[in-house]
Amino acid sequence: MKIADSTDRSDGTADTGCGGSGTGGGKDGSGAGAPVRRRDARRNRDLLLEAAHEVFTELGLNAPLDVIARRAGVGNATLYRHFPHRAALVDAVFRDQLTGTMDAGDRARDVDDAWTGLIGYLQAVFTVLATDRGTNDLMTTHLEGVESLVAVHAHNHRTVELLLERGRHQGTVRPDVTTEDVLFALAALGRAVPALTTATTPDAWRRPLALLCDSLRAAPTSPPLPSPALTPQQLDDTLHHFNR
């Protein structure tokens, strides 16, 4: 037997389907039922966010939305009333976690030694990529319409750019490496992290990341990098293709 969930109104209240006027549950129309409906709506939203984080972490950002609704114990209609499209749900689920990534970038920028700051930042980012499939999808691809993601990508780009520039000035980063070089390599490696940690150990990503970082280090014997570097637009196009 299907149990009907409450119907959330556009004003943030919920119609429990028990009848009565829209102003309240009592005969006097005093509005006594409104706080209950609002609590129901908030509860449904919280259940959806919790379920969405679980499902996105397990299955990635392309997970079916009806799976999320079922796990939350609500109907699809309730999900779409709170989150009219996938991007809105993704933004609500991961906004705090993405903000944490920017905080890590700010801490890295404050480190005097650019190489130490860069390595610390990349390790902080990959710690998240290895434990949360949803965040991994977000950070290594481009998903249209996620407002917080736009800010994170811009902040991430600027953090890497500043650390590379400072590292070149300090003589620790090879002079011919570009921000797009690093971001592409990080996205490609990041996409492989879930499979790597599933097949081996949770911290198996540390070895390939160390090899990647070592390739960025300035060394007198390093040969010049072949072919032209990616342009910002080419990097953006490539990350869009990662999500297909």
C-alpha atoms as a PDB file:
ATOM      1  CA  MET A   1       0.000   0.000   0.000  1.00  0.00           C
ATOM      2  CA  LYS A   2       1.373   3.396  -0.946  1.00  0.00           C
ATOM      3  CA  ILE A   3       1.505   5.945   1.822  1.00  0.00           C
ATOM      4  CA  ALA A   4       0.943   9.460   0.494  1.00  0.00           C
ATOM      5  CA  ASP A   5       3.414  12.008   1.749  1.00  0.00           C
ATOM      6  CA  SER A   6       2.496  15.551   2.684  1.00  0.00           C
ATOM      7  CA  THR A   7       2.242  18.101  -0.129  1.00  0.00           C
ATOM      8  CA  ASP A   8       4.518  21.097   0.338  1.00  0.00           C
ATOM      9  CA  ARG A   9       3.172  24.465  -0.670  1.00  0.00           C
ATOM     10  CA  SER A  10       5.221  27.070  -2.459  1.00  0.00           C
ATOM     11  CA  ASP A  11       5.168  29.253   0.690  1.00  0.00           C
ATOM     12  CA  GLY A  12       7.082  26.659   2.678  1.00  0.00           C
ATOM     13  CA  THR A  13       4.074  25.088   4.368  1.00  0.00           C
ATOM     14  CA  ALA A  14       2.797  21.592   3.782  1.00  0.00           C
ATOM     15  CA  ASP A  15      -0.662  20.271   3.103  1.00  0.00           C
ATOM     16  CA  THR A  16      -0.963  17.013   5.041  1.00  0.00           C
ATOM     17  CA  GLY A  17      -3.911  15.937   2.963  1.00  0.00           C
ATOM     18  CA  CYS A  18      -6.251  15.878   5.996  1.00  0.00           C
ATOM     19  CA  GLY A  19      -8.693  18.407   4.633  1.00  0.00           C
ATOM     20  CA  GLY A  20      -9.698  21.705   6.185  1.00  0.00           C
ATOM     21  CA  SER A  21      -9.151  25.223   5.006  1.00  0.00           C
ATOM     22  CA  GLY A  22      -5.818  26.648   4.022  1.00  0.00           C
ATOM     23  CA  THR A  23      -5.819  28.977   7.036  1.00  0.00           C
ATOM     24  CA  GLY A  24      -5.663  26.357   9.730  1.00  0.00           C
ATOM     25  CA  GLY A  25      -6.649  22.942  11.010  1.00  0.00           C
ATOM     26  CA  GLY A  26      -9.270  24.155  13.484  1.00  0.00           C
ATOM     27  CA  LYS A  27     -12.902  24.920  12.816  1.00  0.00           C
ATOM     28  CA  ASP A  28     -12.407  28.485  13.885  1.00  0.00           C
ATOM     29  CA  GLY A  29      -9.875  29.089  11.109  1.00  0.00           C
ATOM     30  CA  SER A  30      -7.378  30.400  13.647  1.00  0.00           C
ATOM     31  CA  GLY A  31      -4.387  29.052  11.748  1.00  0.00           C
ATOM     32  CA  ALA A  32      -3.338  26.647  14.503  1.00  0.00           C
ATOM     33  CA  GLY A  33      -2.307  24.031  11.918  1.00  0.00           C
ATOM     34  CA  ALA A  34       0.136  26.301  10.057  1.00  0.00           C
ATOM     35  CA  PRO A  35       3.149  25.741  12.372  1.00  0.00           C
ATOM     36  CA  VAL A  36       2.651  21.978  12.054  1.00  0.00           C
ATOM     37  CA  ARG A  37       2.587  22.227   8.261  1.00  0.00           C
ATOM     38  CA  ARG A  38       5.731  24.339   8.277  1.00  0.00           C
ATOM     39  CA  ARG A  39       7.476  21.798  10.497  1.00  0.00           C
ATOM     40  CA  ASP A  40       6.420  19.034   8.110  1.00  0.00           C
ATOM     41  CA  ALA A  41       7.841  20.959   5.152  1.00  0.00           C
ATOM     42  CA  ARG A  42      11.148  21.588   6.930  1.00  0.00           C
ATOM     43  CA  ARG A  43      11.328  17.951   7.971  1.00  0.00           C
ATOM     44  CA  ASN A  44      10.749  16.798   4.387  1.00  0.00           C
ATOM     45  CA  ARG A  45      13.470  19.124   3.139  1.00  0.00           C
ATOM     46  CA  ASP A  46      15.934  17.881   5.744  1.00  0.00           C
ATOM     47  CA  LEU A  47      15.113  14.257   4.889  1.00  0.00           C
ATOM     48  CA  LEU A  48      15.674  14.968   1.197  1.00  0.00           C
ATOM     49  CA  LEU A  49      19.033  16.640   1.815  1.00  0.00           C
ATOM     50  CA  GLU A  50      20.215  13.769   3.998  1.00  0.00           C
ATOM     51  CA  ALA A  51      19.068  11.146   1.509  1.00  0.00           C
ATOM     52  CA  ALA A  52      20.529  13.076  -1.434  1.00  0.00           C
ATOM     53  CA  HIS A  53      23.937  13.309   0.182  1.00  0.00           C
ATOM     54  CA  GLU A  54      23.943   9.563   0.841  1.00  0.00           C
ATOM     55  CA  VAL A  55      22.847   8.677  -2.688  1.00  0.00           C
ATOM     56  CA  PHE A  56      25.160  11.171  -4.424  1.00  0.00           C
ATOM     57  CA  THR A  57      28.081   9.897  -2.328  1.00  0.00           C
ATOM     58  CA  GLU A  58      27.300   6.297  -3.284  1.00  0.00           C
ATOM     59  CA  LEU A  59      26.249   6.697  -6.920  1.00  0.00           C
ATOM     60  CA  GLY A  60      27.509  10.095  -8.068  1.00  0.00           C
ATOM     61  CA  LEU A  61      25.635  13.185  -9.175  1.00  0.00           C
ATOM     62  CA  ASN A  62      23.787  11.392 -11.991  1.00  0.00           C
ATOM     63  CA  ALA A  63      21.945   9.162  -9.525  1.00  0.00           C
ATOM     64  CA  PRO A  64      18.177   8.933 -10.249  1.00  0.00           C
ATOM     65  CA  LEU A  65      16.219  11.501  -8.272  1.00  0.00           C
ATOM     66  CA  ASP A  66      13.412   9.052  -7.577  1.00  0.00           C
ATOM     67  CA  VAL A  67      15.919   6.920  -5.637  1.00  0.00           C
ATOM     68  CA  ILE A  68      16.568   9.947  -3.422  1.00  0.00           C
ATOM     69  CA  ALA A  69      12.852  10.561  -2.900  1.00  0.00           C
ATOM     70  CA  ARG A  70      12.246   6.923  -1.939  1.00  0.00           C
ATOM     71  CA  ARG A  71      15.124   6.915   0.521  1.00  0.00           C
ATOM     72  CA  ALA A  72      13.803  10.109   2.091  1.00  0.00           C
ATOM     73  CA  GLY A  73      10.353   8.516   2.380  1.00  0.00           C
ATOM     74  CA  VAL A  74       8.595  11.173   0.308  1.00  0.00           C
ATOM     75  CA  GLY A  75       7.102  11.352  -3.160  1.00  0.00           C
ATOM     76  CA  ASN A  76       8.735  12.755  -6.270  1.00  0.00           C
ATOM     77  CA  ALA A  77       6.340  15.702  -6.213  1.00  0.00           C
ATOM     78  CA  THR A  78       7.625  16.757  -2.811  1.00  0.00           C
ATOM     79  CA  LEU A  79      11.216  16.572  -4.010  1.00  0.00           C
ATOM     80  CA  TYR A  80      10.511  18.816  -6.999  1.00  0.00           C
ATOM     81  CA  ARG A  81       8.589  21.338  -4.890  1.00  0.00           C
ATOM     82  CA  HIS A  82      11.650  21.852  -2.713  1.00  0.00           C
ATOM     83  CA  PHE A  83      14.227  21.442  -5.510  1.00  0.00           C
ATOM     84  CA  PRO A  84      12.828  22.146  -8.985  1.00  0.00           C
ATOM     85  CA  HIS A  85      15.896  20.748 -10.765  1.00  0.00           C
ATOM     86  CA  ARG A  86      18.942  18.598 -10.031  1.00  0.00           C
ATOM     87  CA  ALA A  87      21.324  21.559  -9.825  1.00  0.00           C
ATOM     88  CA  ALA A  88      19.273  23.147  -7.024  1.00  0.00           C
ATOM     89  CA  LEU A  89      19.429  19.932  -5.006  1.00  0.00           C
ATOM     90  CA  VAL A  90      23.155  19.495  -5.628  1.00  0.00           C
ATOM     91  CA  ASP A  91      23.817  23.084  -4.590  1.00  0.00           C
ATOM     92  CA  ALA A  92      21.888  22.674  -1.328  1.00  0.00           C
ATOM     93  CA  VAL A  93      23.583  19.359  -0.488  1.00  0.00           C
ATOM     94  CA  PHE A  94      27.184  20.354  -1.159  1.00  0.00           C
ATOM     95  CA  ARG A  95      27.307  24.098  -0.501  1.00  0.00           C
ATOM     96  CA  ASP A  96      28.901  23.760   2.946  1.00  0.00           C
ATOM     97  CA  GLN A  97      31.417  21.182   1.764  1.00  0.00           C
ATOM     98  CA  LEU A  98      32.413  23.326  -1.198  1.00  0.00           C
ATOM     99  CA  THR A  99      32.846  26.287   1.128  1.00  0.00           C
ATOM    100  CA  GLY A 100      35.266  24.140   3.125  1.00  0.00           C
ATOM    101  CA  THR A 101      37.351  23.683  -0.024  1.00  0.00           C
ATOM    102  CA  MET A 102      37.624  27.440  -0.414  1.00  0.00           C
ATOM    103  CA  ASP A 103      38.659  27.724   3.241  1.00  0.00           C
ATOM    104  CA  ALA A 104      41.475  25.247   2.538  1.00  0.00           C
ATOM    105  CA  GLY A 105      42.528  27.413  -0.399  1.00  0.00           C
ATOM    106  CA  ASP A 106      42.621  30.512   1.778  1.00  0.00           C
ATOM    107  CA  ARG A 107      44.836  28.742   4.314  1.00  0.00           C
ATOM    108  CA  ALA A 108      47.185  27.617   1.539  1.00  0.00           C
ATOM    109  CA  ARG A 109      47.481  31.164   0.221  1.00  0.00           C
ATOM    110  CA  ASP A 110      48.598  32.342   3.661  1.00  0.00           C
ATOM    111  CA  VAL A 111      51.553  29.919   3.796  1.00  0.00           C
ATOM    112  CA  ASP A 112      54.815  31.739   3.084  1.00  0.00           C
ATOM    113  CA  ASP A 113      56.425  28.810   1.260  1.00  0.00           C
ATOM    114  CA  ALA A 114      54.410  28.322  -1.929  1.00  0.00           C
ATOM    115  CA  TRP A 115      55.388  24.684  -2.412  1.00  0.00           C
ATOM    116  CA  THR A 116      54.253  23.761   1.110  1.00  0.00           C
ATOM    117  CA  GLY A 117      51.007  25.648   0.578  1.00  0.00           C
ATOM    118  CA  LEU A 118      50.353  23.963  -2.771  1.00  0.00           C
ATOM    119  CA  ILE A 119      50.994  20.439  -1.492  1.00  0.00           C
ATOM    120  CA  GLY A 120      48.871  21.022   1.605  1.00  0.00           C
ATOM    121  CA  TYR A 121      46.011  22.369  -0.478  1.00  0.00           C
ATOM    122  CA  LEU A 122      46.051  19.480  -2.950  1.00  0.00           C
ATOM    123  CA  GLN A 123      46.134  16.938  -0.134  1.00  0.00           C
ATOM    124  CA  ALA A 124      43.155  18.631   1.523  1.00  0.00           C
ATOM    125  CA  VAL A 125      41.187  18.570  -1.740  1.00  0.00           C
ATOM    126  CA  PHE A 126      41.995  14.938  -2.482  1.00  0.00           C
ATOM    127  CA  THR A 127      41.052  13.867   1.025  1.00  0.00           C
ATOM    128  CA  VAL A 128      37.524  15.020   0.178  1.00  0.00           C
ATOM    129  CA  LEU A 129      37.574  13.580  -3.361  1.00  0.00           C
ATOM    130  CA  ALA A 130      38.488  10.158  -1.962  1.00  0.00           C
ATOM    131  CA  THR A 131      35.663  10.010   0.567  1.00  0.00           C
ATOM    132  CA  ASP A 132      32.721  11.653  -1.181  1.00  0.00           C
ATOM    133  CA  ARG A 133      31.723  10.560  -4.687  1.00  0.00           C
ATOM    134  CA  GLY A 134      29.322  13.468  -5.098  1.00  0.00           C
ATOM    135  CA  THR A 135      31.912  16.097  -4.273  1.00  0.00           C
ATOM    136  CA  ASN A 136      34.350  14.276  -6.540  1.00  0.00           C
ATOM    137  CA  ASP A 137      31.934  14.595  -9.454  1.00  0.00           C
ATOM    138  CA  LEU A 138      31.447  18.275  -8.695  1.00  0.00           C
ATOM    139  CA  MET A 139      35.119  19.154  -8.397  1.00  0.00           C
ATOM    140  CA  THR A 140      36.325  17.212 -11.435  1.00  0.00           C
ATOM    141  CA  THR A 141      33.583  18.145 -13.927  1.00  0.00           C
ATOM    142  CA  HIS A 142      31.373  21.107 -14.732  1.00  0.00           C
ATOM    143  CA  LEU A 143      27.699  20.892 -13.801  1.00  0.00           C
ATOM    144  CA  GLU A 144      25.571  23.768 -15.056  1.00  0.00           C
ATOM    145  CA  GLY A 145      23.394  25.726 -12.651  1.00  0.00           C
ATOM    146  CA  VAL A 146      25.153  24.980  -9.341  1.00  0.00           C
ATOM    147  CA  GLU A 147      25.766  28.472  -7.988  1.00  0.00           C
ATOM    148  CA  SER A 148      28.215  27.521  -5.250  1.00  0.00           C
ATOM    149  CA  LEU A 149      30.253  25.439  -7.698  1.00  0.00           C
ATOM    150  CA  VAL A 150      30.941  28.455  -9.919  1.00  0.00           C
ATOM    151  CA  ALA A 151      32.496  30.264  -6.969  1.00  0.00           C
ATOM    152  CA  VAL A 152      34.531  27.201  -5.966  1.00  0.00           C
ATOM    153  CA  HIS A 153      35.956  26.647  -9.450  1.00  0.00           C
ATOM    154  CA  ALA A 154      36.957  30.319  -9.659  1.00  0.00           C
ATOM    155  CA  HIS A 155      38.498  30.238  -6.178  1.00  0.00           C
ATOM    156  CA  ASN A 156      40.309  26.972  -6.924  1.00  0.00           C
ATOM    157  CA  HIS A 157      41.699  28.374 -10.168  1.00  0.00           C
ATOM    158  CA  ARG A 158      42.939  31.508  -8.431  1.00  0.00           C
ATOM    159  CA  THR A 159      44.471  29.533  -5.544  1.00  0.00           C
ATOM    160  CA  VAL A 160      46.470  27.298  -7.887  1.00  0.00           C
ATOM    161  CA  GLU A 161      47.415  30.274 -10.044  1.00  0.00           C
ATOM    162  CA  LEU A 162      48.725  32.273  -7.078  1.00  0.00           C
ATOM    163  CA  LEU A 163      50.665  29.348  -5.599  1.00  0.00           C
ATOM    164  CA  LEU A 164      52.270  28.469  -8.942  1.00  0.00           C
ATOM    165  CA  GLU A 165      53.212  32.090  -9.569  1.00  0.00           C
ATOM    166  CA  ARG A 166      54.744  32.420  -6.121  1.00  0.00           C
ATOM    167  CA  GLY A 167      56.448  29.031  -6.470  1.00  0.00           C
ATOM    168  CA  ARG A 168      58.054  30.058  -9.766  1.00  0.00           C
ATOM    169  CA  HIS A 169      59.298  33.234  -8.102  1.00  0.00           C
ATOM    170  CA  GLN A 170      60.716  31.192  -5.198  1.00  0.00           C
ATOM    171  CA  GLY A 171      62.317  28.705  -7.601  1.00  0.00           C
ATOM    172  CA  THR A 172      60.360  25.636  -6.422  1.00  0.00           C
ATOM    173  CA  VAL A 173      57.912  25.262  -9.336  1.00  0.00           C
ATOM    174  CA  ARG A 174      59.042  24.587 -12.910  1.00  0.00           C
ATOM    175  CA  PRO A 175      58.742  27.755 -15.005  1.00  0.00           C
ATOM    176  CA  ASP A 176      56.774  26.281 -17.926  1.00  0.00           C
ATOM    177  CA  VAL A 177      53.860  24.719 -16.014  1.00  0.00           C
ATOM    178  CA  THR A 178      50.519  26.547 -16.260  1.00  0.00           C
ATOM    179  CA  THR A 179      47.428  26.667 -14.081  1.00  0.00           C
ATOM    180  CA  GLU A 180      45.485  24.785 -16.766  1.00  0.00           C
ATOM    181  CA  ASP A 181      48.162  22.062 -16.807  1.00  0.00           C
ATOM    182  CA  VAL A 182      47.682  21.493 -13.090  1.00  0.00           C
ATOM    183  CA  LEU A 183      43.886  21.700 -13.054  1.00  0.00           C
ATOM    184  CA  PHE A 184      43.553  19.229 -15.932  1.00  0.00           C
ATOM    185  CA  ALA A 185      45.935  16.762 -14.272  1.00  0.00           C
ATOM    186  CA  LEU A 186      44.114  17.106 -10.961  1.00  0.00           C
ATOM    187  CA  ALA A 187      40.714  16.528 -12.584  1.00  0.00           C
ATOM    188  CA  ALA A 188      41.939  13.474 -14.487  1.00  0.00           C
ATOM    189  CA  LEU A 189      43.526  11.950 -11.385  1.00  0.00           C
ATOM    190  CA  GLY A 190      40.563  12.925  -9.242  1.00  0.00           C
ATOM    191  CA  ARG A 191      38.165  11.046 -11.530  1.00  0.00           C
ATOM    192  CA  ALA A 192      40.177   7.873 -10.935  1.00  0.00           C
ATOM    193  CA  VAL A 193      40.269   8.216  -7.150  1.00  0.00           C
ATOM    194  CA  PRO A 194      36.928   6.477  -6.323  1.00  0.00           C
ATOM    195  CA  ALA A 195      37.876   3.380  -8.349  1.00  0.00           C
ATOM    196  CA  LEU A 196      41.399   3.401  -6.908  1.00  0.00           C
ATOM    197  CA  THR A 197      40.305   3.585  -3.281  1.00  0.00           C
ATOM    198  CA  THR A 198      37.570   0.997  -3.798  1.00  0.00           C
ATOM    199  CA  ALA A 199      40.012  -1.490  -5.301  1.00  0.00           C
ATOM    200  CA  THR A 200      42.843  -0.837  -2.833  1.00  0.00           C
ATOM    201  CA  THR A 201      42.904   1.281   0.332  1.00  0.00           C
ATOM    202  CA  PRO A 202      41.256   4.605   1.306  1.00  0.00           C
ATOM    203  CA  ASP A 203      44.537   6.518   1.121  1.00  0.00           C
ATOM    204  CA  ALA A 204      45.890   4.924  -2.079  1.00  0.00           C
ATOM    205  CA  TRP A 205      45.495   8.294  -3.825  1.00  0.00           C
ATOM    206  CA  ARG A 206      48.493   9.675  -1.937  1.00  0.00           C
ATOM    207  CA  ARG A 207      51.032   7.865  -4.132  1.00  0.00           C
ATOM    208  CA  PRO A 208      49.823   9.099  -7.562  1.00  0.00           C
ATOM    209  CA  LEU A 209      49.268  12.573  -6.142  1.00  0.00           C
ATOM    210  CA  ALA A 210      52.860  12.606  -4.861  1.00  0.00           C
ATOM    211  CA  LEU A 211      54.086  11.598  -8.319  1.00  0.00           C
ATOM    212  CA  LEU A 212      51.994  14.331  -9.898  1.00  0.00           C
ATOM    213  CA  CYS A 213      53.277  16.952  -7.495  1.00  0.00           C
ATOM    214  CA  ASP A 214      56.863  15.865  -8.071  1.00  0.00           C
ATOM    215  CA  SER A 215      56.405  16.556 -11.790  1.00  0.00           C
ATOM    216  CA  LEU A 216      55.641  20.190 -10.938  1.00  0.00           C
ATOM    217  CA  ARG A 217      58.857  20.713  -9.010  1.00  0.00           C
ATOM    218  CA  ALA A 218      61.598  22.804 -10.573  1.00  0.00           C
ATOM    219  CA  ALA A 219      64.646  20.767 -11.576  1.00  0.00           C
ATOM    220  CA  PRO A 220      67.640  21.665 -13.778  1.00  0.00           C
ATOM    221  CA  THR A 221      67.316  18.413 -15.731  1.00  0.00           C
ATOM    222  CA  SER A 222      63.610  18.713 -16.547  1.00  0.00           C
ATOM    223  CA  PRO A 223      63.050  18.811 -20.327  1.00  0.00           C
ATOM    224  CA  PRO A 224      60.604  21.399 -21.690  1.00  0.00           C
ATOM    225  CA  LEU A 225      56.955  20.349 -21.750  1.00  0.00           C
ATOM    226  CA  PRO A 226      55.780  19.293 -25.248  1.00  0.00           C
ATOM    227  CA  SER A 227      52.952  20.881 -27.248  1.00  0.00           C
ATOM    228  CA  PRO A 228      51.043  24.042 -26.342  1.00  0.00           C
ATOM    229  CA  ALA A 229      49.368  24.310 -22.950  1.00  0.00           C
ATOM    230  CA  LEU A 230      45.580  24.178 -22.657  1.00  0.00           C
ATOM    231  CA  THR A 231      43.762  27.477 -22.833  1.00  0.00           C
ATOM    232  CA  PRO A 232      41.179  28.241 -20.117  1.00  0.00           C
ATOM    233  CA  GLN A 233      38.380  27.587 -22.632  1.00  0.00           C
ATOM    234  CA  GLN A 234      39.896  24.260 -23.683  1.00  0.00           C
ATOM    235  CA  LEU A 235      40.130  23.196 -20.041  1.00  0.00           C
ATOM    236  CA  ASP A 236      36.512  24.172 -19.486  1.00  0.00           C
ATOM    237  CA  ASP A 237      35.393  22.212 -22.568  1.00  0.00           C
ATOM    238  CA  THR A 238      37.379  19.178 -21.434  1.00  0.00           C
ATOM    239  CA  LEU A 239      35.791  19.178 -17.968  1.00  0.00           C
ATOM    240  CA  HIS A 240      32.341  19.367 -19.554  1.00  0.00           C
ATOM    241  CA  HIS A 241      33.152  16.217 -21.515  1.00  0.00           C
ATOM    242  CA  PHE A 242      34.230  14.468 -18.305  1.00  0.00           C
ATOM    243  CA  ASN A 243      30.598  14.560 -17.164  1.00  0.00           C
ATOM    244  CA  ARG A 244      29.240  12.728 -20.212  1.00  0.00           C
END
